[in-house]
Amino acid sequence: MTADERKECLLFLRATAQTYKKGSVLLHAGELTDRMGLVLSGSVTIESNDIWGNCTILSHIGKGGFFAETYALLREEVMLVDVRANEETEILFLRVSGLLEKLPGSPWKEKLIRNLLLISAHKNLTLSKRSFHTSPKSARGRILSYLNTVSLQKRSDEFEIPFDRQQLADYLNLERTNLSKELTRMKLDGIIECKKNHFRLISGSSQVIDSGIPGHRE
C-alpha cells in the first residue's frame, strides 16, 4: 500500500494501539470481538483453557503477526481461545468487519483482503504443524518433531524457541515433569543440548530412532 492508502485504511479500520503487561489477557474465550490485532512489539500466545484449569497453547505470535482475524470477520462467533501477552506487548487493534461492506473507490481494500487470505492460510499451516507435533505417542517423538521443524525453519541446528518449559509442555500437550525428564534423557543420549529456550540438535545419534515419530521405530 501507498502511504495515503495506509492512512485511509487505518482511519477506516479505526486503528487503536494498546499496551499490555506480561500475563495480561487481551481477548477472552466466550466473548465476541469485531477487532483483529497486530503485534507491534512483544508477543502473544493463543491458548485454550478449560474450566478444569487445563491449558493448551495453540500458537505463538510475535512482532508483525496478526490474531483474531477470523472472529473479527465472523462477528457472531464466540471466541474459543484466550489471547495472552507473553511479555510486555503493544497491539494495534483493527475493526475489520467493515471490509465485508461495499466500499467504492477504495483500492486498498482489495490489497488488505488479499493479505488477510494469506494470514488465514499461514494460520491454517501453523495449526497443522501443531497437530503433526502432537501426533506421536511418545514425549520424545513430540519434542523431536517440534525441534526438527524449528531447525528447518531457522536453517540451523542451533536455535532459540519462543516458549518457556511450561509453554512448550502446553503446546506439545505434555505434563511439564514428563517434558523435563525426557529432555534430560535426550541430553544424556547425546541427541540434544539445551539451556532454557536455547537448543542444539546433535545429528548422528542412534537414539533418535526411538522417537515415536511416524516412520521411526518405537
Foldseek 3Di string as FASTA:
>chain_A
DDPVLVVVQCVVQVKDKDKDAAFDWPDDFQDFALKKKAWQAAKKWKWAADPVGAIATQDIGGHGAMDPPVRNQVRVDTHRIIIGGNHTTMIIITRCNCLVPDDPPNPVSVVVVVVVVVNVVVSVVSNVLLVLLQPFPALLLSVCSVLVVVCVVVVAQKDFDPDFLVNVCSSNVHDSVRNVVVVVVCVVQVQWDDDGRIIGGDPDGPVCLVRSRPVGDD
